[in-house]
Amino acid sequence: MKIAFSIFWIFITVGSLSAQSISQTIELAEKSFELGQYENAASFYKRVLFFDKSGDYDSLTVEGLAWSSYLSGDYEVSSKYFKTLTRMKEDQGYELMEILSLMKQSDFLNAKRSVLAYRPANEFGERNRQIMKSLIDFQLGDYDRAKEGFLKLDASTDQLEDVYKAVDKVNRKTKMKAILLSAIFPGSGQAYSKHYKEGINSLITISAFGAAYVFTITNYGIVVGLISVSPWFQRYYVGGMNSAADLLVEYKAEQFDQLYNQLVSEYAGMIQVNFE
């Protein structure tokens, strides 16, 4: 009887300590969140989510983890838990936050699927949907569809026109032009995408091997030049053309990212997220 009572007392004590520990961890999470220590807050919320088998703190913990993860820049985790909140509370505000989290982590394909599945309940929701869909279309390279979407918004078009003038300018640059320029004059293909240092290096390297080839065939004959120098010259000459094409792709990606950020600064402030 004494042994049975001892075991019972141990279970009661452990259960009490566990409950107390979870409540204390919740307090630590909330305090960290208030202080702006979002990574610490997320860590505490994860601990509660793992150890709380009662489910008493589910809603509070999931919401805290979603927001602290979003504010700490862990958008992969925040998108997961905002999606969970959408199912738990059926609140479109969390659905929007899920889409924003996907956009923040550059998962634009899944963001596009989510925004197409989003069914706004009012005109503000429809406006939010249009803004996010247009930004996503732009980042996915569907510039015409994105522009159509932006023009539907009641906003100044001056910034939009400037962005699309830049889009047209960037789109006129092609890999074929970069390759042809590099073939005609080594280094110019790299300069075409404003990689001037790489262009100078390419010009110097190819010129050096060109001079070595001329020197070799002049002093030792064509055969020796073809065998000893020509392969190196061709390697760097062709490599320069390939490099020009690759650098142009990199340049265009950087330019479109900058233009996307300009659109975000122009339109993202118009998104209104409300929670019921």
Protein backbone atom coordinates (compact mmCIF):
# COMPACT_ATOMS: atom_id res chain seq x y z
CA MET A 1 0.00 0.00 0.00
CA LYS A 2 2.85 2.35 0.87
CA ILE A 3 4.60 1.54 -2.45
CA ALA A 4 1.41 2.14 -4.44
CA PHE A 5 0.89 5.50 -2.69
CA SER A 6 4.49 6.52 -3.46
CA ILE A 7 4.10 5.73 -7.16
CA PHE A 8 0.82 7.65 -7.27
CA TRP A 9 2.50 10.65 -5.58
CA ILE A 10 5.36 10.57 -8.09
CA PHE A 11 2.92 10.70 -11.03
CA ILE A 12 1.02 13.60 -9.46
CA THR A 13 4.25 15.51 -8.83
CA VAL A 14 5.66 14.96 -12.33
CA GLY A 15 2.35 15.99 -13.89
CA SER A 16 2.26 19.16 -11.80
CA LEU A 17 5.85 20.06 -12.68
CA SER A 18 5.19 19.43 -16.37
CA ALA A 19 2.15 21.72 -16.36
CA GLN A 20 4.05 24.37 -14.45
CA SER A 21 6.99 24.12 -16.84
CA ILE A 22 4.76 24.56 -19.89
CA SER A 23 3.01 27.60 -18.42
CA GLN A 24 6.37 29.11 -17.48
CA THR A 25 7.69 28.46 -21.00
CA ILE A 26 4.63 30.22 -22.44
CA GLU A 27 5.41 33.21 -20.23
CA LEU A 28 9.03 33.22 -21.40
CA ALA A 29 7.89 33.05 -25.03
CA GLU A 30 5.49 35.96 -24.59
CA LYS A 31 8.10 38.02 -22.73
CA SER A 32 10.72 37.37 -25.43
CA PHE A 33 8.19 38.37 -28.09
CA GLU A 34 7.40 41.64 -26.29
CA LEU A 35 11.12 42.42 -26.09
CA GLY A 36 11.54 41.80 -29.82
CA GLN A 37 13.61 38.65 -29.24
CA TYR A 38 11.68 36.74 -31.88
CA GLU A 39 14.13 33.86 -32.36
CA ASN A 40 14.06 33.12 -28.64
CA ALA A 41 10.28 33.39 -28.61
CA ALA A 42 10.01 30.92 -31.51
CA SER A 43 12.29 28.49 -29.67
CA PHE A 44 10.09 28.63 -26.56
CA TYR A 45 6.89 28.20 -28.58
CA LYS A 46 8.36 25.16 -30.34
CA ARG A 47 9.20 23.67 -26.94
CA VAL A 48 5.63 24.12 -25.77
CA LEU A 49 4.23 22.66 -28.97
CA PHE A 50 6.41 19.60 -28.52
CA PHE A 51 5.78 18.94 -24.82
CA ASP A 52 2.16 20.05 -24.41
CA LYS A 53 0.22 16.82 -24.93
CA SER A 54 -2.98 18.25 -23.44
CA GLY A 55 -3.59 20.60 -26.35
CA ASP A 56 -4.51 23.41 -23.92
CA TYR A 57 -2.07 25.81 -25.53
CA ASP A 58 -2.40 24.76 -29.19
CA SER A 59 -4.00 27.91 -30.61
CA LEU A 60 -1.85 30.30 -28.56
CA THR A 61 1.34 28.38 -29.33
CA VAL A 62 0.76 28.01 -33.06
CA GLU A 63 -0.07 31.71 -33.42
CA GLY A 64 2.93 32.75 -31.35
CA LEU A 65 5.23 30.47 -33.35
CA ALA A 66 3.87 31.73 -36.67
CA TRP A 67 4.36 35.40 -35.80
CA SER A 68 7.72 35.05 -34.06
CA SER A 69 9.05 32.98 -36.98
CA TYR A 70 7.81 35.55 -39.50
CA LEU A 71 9.33 38.46 -37.59
CA SER A 72 12.64 36.62 -37.14
CA GLY A 73 12.83 35.90 -40.88
CA ASP A 74 12.14 32.17 -40.70
CA TYR A 75 9.49 32.30 -43.42
CA GLU A 76 9.48 28.56 -44.09
CA VAL A 77 8.25 27.91 -40.55
CA SER A 78 5.87 30.88 -40.53
CA SER A 79 4.18 29.77 -43.78
CA LYS A 80 3.61 26.33 -42.28
CA TYR A 81 2.01 27.62 -39.09
CA PHE A 82 -0.02 30.40 -40.71
CA LYS A 83 -1.49 27.66 -42.89
CA THR A 84 -2.29 25.69 -39.74
CA LEU A 85 -3.93 28.77 -38.22
CA THR A 86 -6.07 29.21 -41.33
CA ARG A 87 -7.47 25.72 -40.79
CA MET A 88 -7.88 26.22 -37.05
CA LYS A 89 -9.55 29.64 -37.12
CA GLU A 90 -10.83 29.95 -40.72
CA ASP A 91 -9.50 33.49 -40.79
CA GLN A 92 -8.42 34.95 -44.13
CA GLY A 93 -5.88 37.17 -42.40
CA TYR A 94 -3.75 34.12 -41.65
CA GLU A 95 -4.21 32.89 -45.21
CA LEU A 96 -2.74 36.16 -46.47
CA MET A 97 0.16 35.85 -44.04
CA GLU A 98 0.86 32.36 -45.38
CA ILE A 99 1.06 33.76 -48.92
CA LEU A 100 3.30 36.62 -47.79
CA SER A 101 5.57 34.11 -46.04
CA LEU A 102 5.86 32.08 -49.24
CA MET A 103 6.71 35.25 -51.17
CA LYS A 104 9.30 36.22 -48.56
CA GLN A 105 11.09 32.89 -49.01
CA SER A 106 10.91 33.30 -52.82
CA ASP A 107 8.65 30.26 -53.19
CA PHE A 108 6.63 32.02 -55.86
CA LEU A 109 5.15 28.91 -57.48
CA ASN A 110 3.48 27.81 -54.23
CA ALA A 111 2.57 31.43 -53.52
CA LYS A 112 0.84 31.57 -56.93
CA ARG A 113 -1.12 28.39 -56.15
CA SER A 114 -2.18 29.78 -52.78
CA VAL A 115 -3.19 33.18 -54.12
CA LEU A 116 -5.28 31.57 -56.86
CA ALA A 117 -7.01 29.43 -54.23
CA TYR A 118 -7.64 32.48 -52.03
CA ARG A 119 -11.30 33.58 -52.07
CA PRO A 120 -11.57 37.13 -50.68
CA ALA A 121 -14.60 37.94 -48.56
CA ASN A 122 -14.69 41.66 -49.40
CA GLU A 123 -13.22 44.38 -51.60
CA PHE A 124 -10.16 44.79 -49.36
CA GLY A 125 -9.44 41.08 -49.71
CA GLU A 126 -9.78 41.32 -53.48
CA ARG A 127 -7.36 44.26 -53.52
CA ASN A 128 -4.87 42.29 -51.42
CA ARG A 129 -5.21 39.33 -53.77
CA GLN A 130 -4.64 41.53 -56.84
CA ILE A 131 -1.52 43.13 -55.39
CA MET A 132 0.06 39.82 -54.37
CA LYS A 133 -0.91 38.08 -57.61
CA SER A 134 0.62 40.91 -59.67
CA LEU A 135 3.85 40.86 -57.66
CA ILE A 136 4.06 37.08 -58.01
CA ASP A 137 3.40 37.23 -61.77
CA PHE A 138 6.18 39.80 -62.14
CA GLN A 139 8.68 37.67 -60.25
CA LEU A 140 7.70 34.62 -62.31
CA GLY A 141 8.46 36.57 -65.50
CA ASP A 142 4.86 37.15 -66.66
CA TYR A 143 5.41 40.90 -66.96
CA ASP A 144 2.41 41.70 -69.16
CA ARG A 145 -0.05 39.93 -66.87
CA ALA A 146 1.55 41.61 -63.86
CA LYS A 147 1.16 45.03 -65.47
CA GLU A 148 -2.51 44.38 -66.22
CA GLY A 149 -3.01 43.55 -62.56
CA PHE A 150 -1.19 46.64 -61.29
CA LEU A 151 -3.20 48.91 -63.61
CA LYS A 152 -6.43 47.63 -62.02
CA LEU A 153 -5.35 49.17 -58.73
CA ASP A 154 -6.29 52.72 -57.84
CA ALA A 155 -2.74 53.98 -57.57
CA SER A 156 -0.29 56.29 -59.29
CA THR A 157 1.15 54.77 -62.46
CA ASP A 158 4.29 56.93 -62.63
CA GLN A 159 6.44 54.44 -60.74
CA LEU A 160 4.91 51.57 -62.70
CA GLU A 161 5.74 53.19 -66.03
CA ASP A 162 9.34 53.78 -64.94
CA VAL A 163 9.66 50.14 -63.89
CA TYR A 164 8.30 48.86 -67.19
CA LYS A 165 10.57 51.12 -69.22
CA ALA A 166 13.43 49.47 -67.34
CA VAL A 167 11.89 46.03 -67.99
CA ASP A 168 11.84 46.71 -71.74
CA LYS A 169 15.44 47.94 -71.64
CA VAL A 170 16.65 44.84 -69.79
CA ASN A 171 14.65 42.48 -72.00
CA ARG A 172 16.30 43.92 -75.12
CA LYS A 173 19.59 42.48 -73.94
CA THR A 174 19.97 38.90 -75.21
CA LYS A 175 22.47 36.09 -74.80
CA MET A 176 23.02 35.98 -78.57
CA LYS A 177 24.08 39.64 -78.63
CA ALA A 178 26.45 39.02 -75.72
CA ILE A 179 28.02 36.05 -77.51
CA LEU A 180 28.37 37.92 -80.82
CA LEU A 181 29.95 40.94 -79.15
CA SER A 182 32.41 38.69 -77.33
CA ALA A 183 33.22 36.88 -80.58
CA ILE A 184 33.87 40.14 -82.46
CA PHE A 185 35.79 41.87 -79.71
CA PRO A 186 36.75 39.84 -76.62
CA GLY A 187 35.55 41.42 -73.41
CA SER A 188 32.77 43.47 -74.99
CA GLY A 189 30.22 40.74 -74.27
CA GLN A 190 30.95 41.04 -70.56
CA ALA A 191 30.85 44.85 -70.75
CA TYR A 192 27.41 44.51 -72.40
CA SER A 193 26.08 43.32 -69.03
CA LYS A 194 28.19 45.88 -67.14
CA HIS A 195 30.72 43.32 -65.89
CA TYR A 196 33.64 45.53 -66.85
CA LYS A 197 36.28 43.85 -64.71
CA GLU A 198 35.49 40.45 -66.22
CA GLY A 199 35.55 42.04 -69.69
CA ILE A 200 39.01 43.50 -69.15
CA ASN A 201 40.30 40.16 -67.82
CA SER A 202 38.87 38.35 -70.85
CA LEU A 203 40.40 40.87 -73.27
CA ILE A 204 43.85 40.65 -71.65
CA THR A 205 43.84 36.83 -71.48
CA ILE A 206 42.68 36.25 -75.05
CA SER A 207 44.97 38.99 -76.40
CA ALA A 208 47.91 37.38 -74.61
CA PHE A 209 47.22 33.95 -76.12
CA GLY A 210 46.61 35.56 -79.51
CA ALA A 211 49.98 37.27 -79.34
CA ALA A 212 51.63 34.03 -78.19
CA TYR A 213 50.06 32.19 -81.13
CA VAL A 214 51.34 34.77 -83.65
CA PHE A 215 54.80 34.69 -82.05
CA THR A 216 54.90 30.88 -82.12
CA ILE A 217 53.83 30.42 -85.75
CA THR A 218 56.21 33.22 -86.80
CA ASN A 219 59.22 31.69 -85.08
CA TYR A 220 58.43 27.96 -84.96
CA GLY A 221 55.88 27.37 -87.67
CA ILE A 222 52.12 26.86 -87.95
CA VAL A 223 52.16 23.23 -86.80
CA VAL A 224 53.87 24.06 -83.51
CA GLY A 225 51.51 27.00 -83.01
CA LEU A 226 48.44 24.86 -83.67
CA ILE A 227 49.61 22.16 -81.29
CA SER A 228 50.99 24.23 -78.42
CA VAL A 229 49.07 27.51 -78.32
CA SER A 230 45.94 27.23 -80.44
CA PRO A 231 44.04 24.91 -78.02
CA TRP A 232 44.55 27.38 -75.18
CA PHE A 233 43.55 30.33 -77.34
CA GLN A 234 40.35 28.56 -78.45
CA ARG A 235 39.57 27.51 -74.90
CA TYR A 236 39.66 31.07 -73.58
CA TYR A 237 38.07 32.55 -76.71
CA VAL A 238 35.06 30.21 -76.54
CA GLY A 239 35.05 30.43 -72.75
CA GLY A 240 34.83 34.20 -73.04
CA MET A 241 31.70 33.90 -75.19
CA ASN A 242 30.10 31.46 -72.77
CA SER A 243 31.04 33.69 -69.86
CA ALA A 244 29.43 36.68 -71.55
CA ALA A 245 26.17 34.75 -71.93
CA ASP A 246 26.19 33.52 -68.31
CA LEU A 247 26.98 36.96 -66.93
CA LEU A 248 24.10 38.44 -68.92
CA VAL A 249 21.69 35.96 -67.34
CA GLU A 250 23.05 36.93 -63.92
CA TYR A 251 22.77 40.63 -64.75
CA LYS A 252 19.16 40.34 -65.91
CA ALA A 253 18.19 38.39 -62.79
CA GLU A 254 19.74 41.09 -60.59
CA GLN A 255 17.98 43.86 -62.53
CA PHE A 256 14.59 42.16 -62.31
CA ASP A 257 15.08 41.59 -58.58
CA GLN A 258 15.74 45.31 -58.13
CA LEU A 259 12.66 46.20 -60.17
CA TYR A 260 10.59 43.73 -58.16
CA ASN A 261 11.77 45.39 -54.94
CA GLN A 262 10.70 48.77 -56.35
CA LEU A 263 7.23 47.39 -56.99
CA VAL A 264 7.12 45.88 -53.50
CA SER A 265 7.99 49.27 -51.97
CA GLU A 266 5.26 50.87 -54.09
CA TYR A 267 2.43 48.39 -53.59
CA ALA A 268 3.10 46.24 -50.52
CA GLY A 269 2.07 49.07 -48.20
CA MET A 270 -1.39 48.92 -49.76
CA ILE A 271 -2.00 45.39 -48.45
CA GLN A 272 -4.35 45.41 -45.47
CA VAL A 273 -4.37 42.28 -43.31
CA ASN A 274 -7.27 42.08 -40.89
CA PHE A 275 -7.97 39.37 -38.32
CA GLU A 276 -11.40 38.44 -37.11
